[in-house]
Amino acid sequence: MAYTENNVAELEVLMLYDLSNSQEGIKIHKTAEPAVIAGAKSLFEKGFITQADGGYLTNLGHEAAEHTQALFTMLNAHSDE
């Protein structure tokens, strides 16, 4: 099983959120990469974010973003070795 291009785009959107501030959302502009726009729309349709162009994380989205950002940190912890 492999990540799809859309999965990767969704993960990239989840990486944009600042988890230390739940009052801070994001805005995906019309000029963003098409994959990022599609990733945000997909996350919205799945209930992870509040708007098709970003907005705020839902409870589910916050949990997903925590896992996404933690995995990124773990995978890159020893990248300079």
N, C-alpha and C. Protein backbone atom coordinates (compact mmCIF):
# COMPACT_ATOMS: atom_id res chain seq x y z
N MET A 1 0.85 -1.18 0.00
CA MET A 1 0.00 0.00 0.00
C MET A 1 0.89 1.24 0.00
N ALA A 2 0.55 2.21 -0.80
CA ALA A 2 1.35 3.43 -0.91
C ALA A 2 0.44 4.65 -0.78
N TYR A 3 1.05 5.74 -0.36
CA TYR A 3 0.30 7.00 -0.32
C TYR A 3 -0.02 7.44 -1.74
N THR A 4 -1.22 7.97 -1.92
CA THR A 4 -1.58 8.54 -3.21
C THR A 4 -1.07 9.98 -3.27
N GLU A 5 -1.10 10.56 -4.45
CA GLU A 5 -0.71 11.97 -4.58
C GLU A 5 -1.62 12.85 -3.73
N ASN A 6 -2.90 12.49 -3.66
CA ASN A 6 -3.84 13.28 -2.86
C ASN A 6 -3.52 13.14 -1.37
N ASN A 7 -3.14 11.93 -0.92
CA ASN A 7 -2.75 11.75 0.48
C ASN A 7 -1.58 12.65 0.83
N VAL A 8 -0.59 12.70 -0.04
CA VAL A 8 0.59 13.54 0.20
C VAL A 8 0.17 15.01 0.26
N ALA A 9 -0.71 15.44 -0.62
CA ALA A 9 -1.20 16.82 -0.60
C ALA A 9 -1.94 17.11 0.71
N GLU A 10 -2.74 16.17 1.17
CA GLU A 10 -3.45 16.34 2.44
C GLU A 10 -2.46 16.48 3.59
N LEU A 11 -1.44 15.64 3.60
CA LEU A 11 -0.42 15.71 4.65
C LEU A 11 0.30 17.06 4.62
N GLU A 12 0.59 17.54 3.43
CA GLU A 12 1.26 18.83 3.31
C GLU A 12 0.38 19.96 3.86
N VAL A 13 -0.92 19.89 3.62
CA VAL A 13 -1.82 20.91 4.17
C VAL A 13 -1.85 20.80 5.70
N LEU A 14 -1.91 19.61 6.24
CA LEU A 14 -1.92 19.44 7.70
C LEU A 14 -0.64 19.96 8.34
N MET A 15 0.46 19.93 7.60
CA MET A 15 1.74 20.45 8.10
C MET A 15 1.73 21.97 8.22
N LEU A 16 0.83 22.64 7.54
CA LEU A 16 0.77 24.10 7.55
C LEU A 16 0.19 24.67 8.85
N TYR A 17 -0.51 23.84 9.60
CA TYR A 17 -1.19 24.34 10.80
C TYR A 17 -0.24 24.47 11.99
N ASP A 18 -0.40 25.55 12.74
CA ASP A 18 0.34 25.79 13.97
C ASP A 18 -0.46 25.18 15.11
N LEU A 19 0.00 24.05 15.60
CA LEU A 19 -0.75 23.34 16.63
C LEU A 19 -0.67 24.00 18.00
N SER A 20 0.22 24.95 18.17
CA SER A 20 0.33 25.64 19.45
C SER A 20 -0.72 26.73 19.60
N ASN A 21 -1.47 27.02 18.53
CA ASN A 21 -2.47 28.09 18.57
C ASN A 21 -3.72 27.64 17.82
N SER A 22 -4.71 27.15 18.56
CA SER A 22 -5.94 26.65 17.93
C SER A 22 -6.80 27.76 17.34
N GLN A 23 -6.48 29.01 17.67
CA GLN A 23 -7.22 30.15 17.14
C GLN A 23 -6.68 30.62 15.79
N GLU A 24 -5.62 29.97 15.32
CA GLU A 24 -4.99 30.37 14.07
C GLU A 24 -5.31 29.35 12.99
N GLY A 25 -6.01 29.80 11.96
CA GLY A 25 -6.32 28.94 10.84
C GLY A 25 -5.39 29.24 9.67
N ILE A 26 -5.69 28.66 8.53
CA ILE A 26 -4.91 28.94 7.32
C ILE A 26 -5.86 29.28 6.18
N LYS A 27 -5.32 29.87 5.16
CA LYS A 27 -6.07 30.21 3.95
C LYS A 27 -5.25 29.73 2.76
N ILE A 28 -5.84 28.84 1.97
CA ILE A 28 -5.21 28.37 0.75
C ILE A 28 -5.73 29.26 -0.37
N HIS A 29 -4.85 30.04 -0.96
CA HIS A 29 -5.25 30.98 -2.00
C HIS A 29 -5.44 30.29 -3.34
N LYS A 30 -6.20 30.93 -4.21
CA LYS A 30 -6.47 30.40 -5.55
C LYS A 30 -5.20 30.22 -6.37
N THR A 31 -4.14 30.93 -5.99
CA THR A 31 -2.88 30.85 -6.73
C THR A 31 -1.95 29.75 -6.19
N ALA A 32 -2.40 29.02 -5.17
CA ALA A 32 -1.60 27.92 -4.62
C ALA A 32 -1.47 26.80 -5.64
N GLU A 33 -0.52 25.92 -5.40
CA GLU A 33 -0.36 24.75 -6.26
C GLU A 33 -1.68 23.98 -6.32
N PRO A 34 -2.06 23.50 -7.49
CA PRO A 34 -3.31 22.74 -7.62
C PRO A 34 -3.41 21.56 -6.65
N ALA A 35 -2.31 20.89 -6.38
CA ALA A 35 -2.34 19.75 -5.45
C ALA A 35 -2.69 20.20 -4.04
N VAL A 36 -2.19 21.36 -3.63
CA VAL A 36 -2.49 21.89 -2.29
C VAL A 36 -3.96 22.27 -2.20
N ILE A 37 -4.48 22.89 -3.23
CA ILE A 37 -5.90 23.24 -3.29
C ILE A 37 -6.75 21.98 -3.19
N ALA A 38 -6.38 20.96 -3.94
CA ALA A 38 -7.12 19.69 -3.92
C ALA A 38 -7.01 19.01 -2.56
N GLY A 39 -5.83 19.08 -1.95
CA GLY A 39 -5.64 18.48 -0.63
C GLY A 39 -6.52 19.13 0.41
N ALA A 40 -6.61 20.45 0.39
CA ALA A 40 -7.46 21.17 1.34
C ALA A 40 -8.93 20.83 1.11
N LYS A 41 -9.34 20.79 -0.14
CA LYS A 41 -10.74 20.46 -0.45
C LYS A 41 -11.08 19.06 0.05
N SER A 42 -10.16 18.13 -0.15
CA SER A 42 -10.37 16.76 0.29
C SER A 42 -10.46 16.68 1.82
N LEU A 43 -9.58 17.39 2.52
CA LEU A 43 -9.63 17.40 3.98
C LEU A 43 -10.94 17.99 4.47
N PHE A 44 -11.43 19.03 3.81
CA PHE A 44 -12.71 19.62 4.17
C PHE A 44 -13.84 18.61 3.99
N GLU A 45 -13.85 17.93 2.86
CA GLU A 45 -14.90 16.95 2.57
C GLU A 45 -14.88 15.79 3.57
N LYS A 46 -13.73 15.49 4.11
CA LYS A 46 -13.60 14.40 5.08
C LYS A 46 -13.81 14.86 6.52
N GLY A 47 -14.01 16.17 6.72
CA GLY A 47 -14.29 16.69 8.05
C GLY A 47 -13.06 17.02 8.89
N PHE A 48 -11.90 17.19 8.27
CA PHE A 48 -10.68 17.50 9.00
C PHE A 48 -10.49 19.01 9.20
N ILE A 49 -11.01 19.82 8.27
CA ILE A 49 -10.89 21.27 8.36
C ILE A 49 -12.25 21.90 8.10
N THR A 50 -12.40 23.16 8.51
CA THR A 50 -13.72 23.79 8.50
C THR A 50 -14.10 24.46 7.19
N GLN A 51 -13.14 24.69 6.31
CA GLN A 51 -13.42 25.35 5.03
C GLN A 51 -12.68 24.62 3.91
N ALA A 52 -13.23 24.66 2.71
CA ALA A 52 -12.60 24.00 1.57
C ALA A 52 -11.26 24.64 1.21
N ASP A 53 -11.05 25.87 1.64
CA ASP A 53 -9.78 26.55 1.36
C ASP A 53 -8.96 26.77 2.63
N GLY A 54 -9.15 25.91 3.61
CA GLY A 54 -8.37 25.97 4.84
C GLY A 54 -9.22 26.12 6.07
N GLY A 55 -9.25 27.31 6.62
CA GLY A 55 -10.02 27.53 7.84
C GLY A 55 -9.30 26.95 9.04
N TYR A 56 -10.06 26.38 9.93
CA TYR A 56 -9.53 25.85 11.18
C TYR A 56 -9.59 24.33 11.16
N LEU A 57 -8.79 23.72 12.02
CA LEU A 57 -8.85 22.27 12.19
C LEU A 57 -10.07 21.91 13.03
N THR A 58 -10.74 20.84 12.64
CA THR A 58 -11.77 20.26 13.50
C THR A 58 -11.04 19.42 14.56
N ASN A 59 -11.76 18.83 15.49
CA ASN A 59 -11.12 17.94 16.47
C ASN A 59 -10.39 16.81 15.76
N LEU A 60 -11.04 16.21 14.77
CA LEU A 60 -10.42 15.14 13.99
C LEU A 60 -9.18 15.66 13.27
N GLY A 61 -9.28 16.84 12.69
CA GLY A 61 -8.17 17.44 11.98
C GLY A 61 -7.00 17.75 12.89
N HIS A 62 -7.30 18.21 14.10
CA HIS A 62 -6.23 18.51 15.05
C HIS A 62 -5.47 17.24 15.40
N GLU A 63 -6.20 16.17 15.64
CA GLU A 63 -5.55 14.89 15.94
C GLU A 63 -4.70 14.41 14.76
N ALA A 64 -5.24 14.53 13.56
CA ALA A 64 -4.50 14.12 12.36
C ALA A 64 -3.25 14.98 12.16
N ALA A 65 -3.37 16.28 12.38
CA ALA A 65 -2.22 17.18 12.23
C ALA A 65 -1.15 16.86 13.27
N GLU A 66 -1.58 16.54 14.50
CA GLU A 66 -0.60 16.15 15.52
C GLU A 66 0.20 14.93 15.07
N HIS A 67 -0.50 13.92 14.58
CA HIS A 67 0.17 12.70 14.12
C HIS A 67 1.06 12.98 12.91
N THR A 68 0.56 13.78 11.99
CA THR A 68 1.32 14.12 10.79
C THR A 68 2.61 14.83 11.15
N GLN A 69 2.50 15.83 12.01
CA GLN A 69 3.67 16.61 12.37
C GLN A 69 4.64 15.80 13.23
N ALA A 70 4.12 14.92 14.08
CA ALA A 70 4.99 14.06 14.89
C ALA A 70 5.75 13.07 14.00
N LEU A 71 5.08 12.49 13.04
CA LEU A 71 5.75 11.55 12.13
C LEU A 71 6.82 12.26 11.33
N PHE A 72 6.53 13.45 10.84
CA PHE A 72 7.51 14.23 10.10
C PHE A 72 8.75 14.46 10.95
N THR A 73 8.53 14.84 12.20
CA THR A 73 9.65 15.09 13.11
C THR A 73 10.46 13.82 13.32
N MET A 74 9.80 12.70 13.54
CA MET A 74 10.51 11.43 13.75
C MET A 74 11.30 11.01 12.51
N LEU A 75 10.69 11.16 11.34
CA LEU A 75 11.36 10.75 10.12
C LEU A 75 12.57 11.63 9.79
N ASN A 76 12.55 12.84 10.26
CA ASN A 76 13.64 13.77 9.97
C ASN A 76 14.58 14.03 11.14
N ALA A 77 14.41 13.29 12.23
CA ALA A 77 15.22 13.50 13.42
C ALA A 77 16.70 13.27 13.19
N HIS A 78 17.03 12.36 12.32
CA HIS A 78 18.43 12.02 12.08
C HIS A 78 18.82 12.26 10.62
N SER A 79 18.18 13.23 10.01
CA SER A 79 18.42 13.47 8.59
C SER A 79 19.80 14.03 8.30
N ASP A 80 20.50 14.55 9.31
CA ASP A 80 21.82 15.11 9.06
C ASP A 80 22.94 14.13 9.38
N GLU A 81 22.61 12.88 9.56
CA GLU A 81 23.64 11.86 9.82
C GLU A 81 24.15 11.25 8.54
